Amino acid sequence: MVGNGTRHATGGGAEARERAFVCTASHDLVTPLMAVTANCDVLEAEASDQAGLASWVANIRAAADEMATRIAGMLMHMGGD
């Protein structure tokens, strides 16, 4: 697609490949991301009384949240679910 929403006559195949790539990549990233998030939940509970560890967990949580936002953005851009 061109920036104004019109489609090139030869662009349909490339768009389908891009969509397939984004959908596959996002799906492949979600599984390890969920593991990181779940482990963060456990670490947060364990680190509640350790200020030094709590800041590391907060950094990991922020990075995981950012990755989740980016994955959702890629899917939204592609019109995926």
Protein backbone atom coordinates (compact mmCIF):
# COMPACT_ATOMS: atom_id res chain seq x y z
CA MET A 1 0.00 0.00 0.00
CA VAL A 2 1.08 3.52 -0.67
CA GLY A 3 0.93 6.10 2.11
CA ASN A 4 -2.43 7.44 0.93
CA GLY A 5 -4.08 4.02 1.13
CA THR A 6 -3.92 3.11 -2.56
CA ARG A 7 -2.53 -0.27 -3.45
CA HIS A 8 0.11 -0.93 -6.10
CA ALA A 9 -0.95 -3.54 -8.63
CA THR A 10 2.04 -5.72 -7.72
CA GLY A 11 1.99 -5.00 -3.98
CA GLY A 12 -0.65 -7.54 -2.90
CA GLY A 13 1.80 -10.43 -2.54
CA ALA A 14 4.29 -8.34 -0.62
CA GLU A 15 1.57 -7.14 1.72
CA ALA A 16 0.43 -10.71 2.36
CA ARG A 17 4.02 -11.77 3.11
CA GLU A 18 4.47 -8.81 5.47
CA ARG A 19 1.23 -9.66 7.24
CA ALA A 20 2.25 -13.32 7.60
CA PHE A 21 5.66 -12.31 8.94
CA VAL A 22 4.27 -9.85 11.49
CA CYS A 23 1.62 -12.30 12.67
CA THR A 24 4.16 -15.13 13.03
CA ALA A 25 6.78 -12.93 14.69
CA SER A 26 4.31 -11.44 17.14
CA HIS A 27 2.97 -14.87 18.05
CA ASP A 28 6.52 -16.18 18.53
CA LEU A 29 7.38 -13.21 20.78
CA VAL A 30 4.29 -13.47 22.96
CA THR A 31 5.20 -16.87 24.44
CA PRO A 32 8.58 -15.83 25.91
CA LEU A 33 7.12 -12.47 26.87
CA MET A 34 4.44 -14.21 28.93
CA ALA A 35 7.16 -16.26 30.66
CA VAL A 36 9.06 -13.08 31.53
CA THR A 37 5.88 -11.45 32.80
CA ALA A 38 4.93 -14.48 34.91
CA ASN A 39 8.40 -14.65 36.40
CA CYS A 40 8.19 -10.93 37.13
CA ASP A 41 5.04 -11.57 39.13
CA VAL A 42 6.91 -14.12 41.26
CA LEU A 43 9.96 -11.90 41.63
CA GLU A 44 7.80 -8.93 42.66
CA ALA A 45 6.34 -10.98 45.48
CA GLU A 46 9.80 -12.15 46.58
CA ALA A 47 11.41 -8.72 46.22
CA SER A 48 8.82 -6.75 48.17
CA ASP A 49 11.16 -6.48 51.14
CA GLN A 50 14.38 -6.00 49.14
CA ALA A 51 14.65 -2.51 47.65
CA GLY A 52 17.65 -3.35 45.45
CA LEU A 53 15.94 -6.35 43.87
CA ALA A 54 12.65 -4.51 43.53
CA SER A 55 14.22 -1.90 41.24
CA TRP A 56 15.57 -4.64 38.94
CA VAL A 57 12.16 -6.26 38.79
CA ALA A 58 10.57 -2.89 37.99
CA ASN A 59 13.01 -2.44 35.09
CA ILE A 60 12.18 -5.90 33.75
CA ARG A 61 8.45 -5.23 34.10
CA ALA A 62 8.76 -1.92 32.23
CA ALA A 63 10.68 -3.58 29.39
CA ALA A 64 8.14 -6.42 29.17
CA ASP A 65 5.27 -3.92 29.12
CA GLU A 66 6.99 -1.96 26.34
CA MET A 67 7.46 -5.14 24.31
CA ALA A 68 3.80 -6.08 24.78
CA THR A 69 2.78 -2.61 23.60
CA ARG A 70 4.98 -2.90 20.51
CA ILE A 71 3.62 -6.36 19.66
CA ALA A 72 0.06 -5.09 20.02
CA GLY A 73 0.94 -2.12 17.83
CA MET A 74 2.34 -4.35 15.11
CA LEU A 75 -0.79 -6.47 15.13
CA MET A 76 -3.06 -3.44 15.13
CA HIS A 77 -1.13 -1.97 12.21
CA MET A 78 -1.62 -5.21 10.29
CA GLY A 79 -5.28 -5.45 11.29
CA GLY A 80 -4.55 -8.70 13.13
CA ASP A 81 -6.00 -9.89 16.40
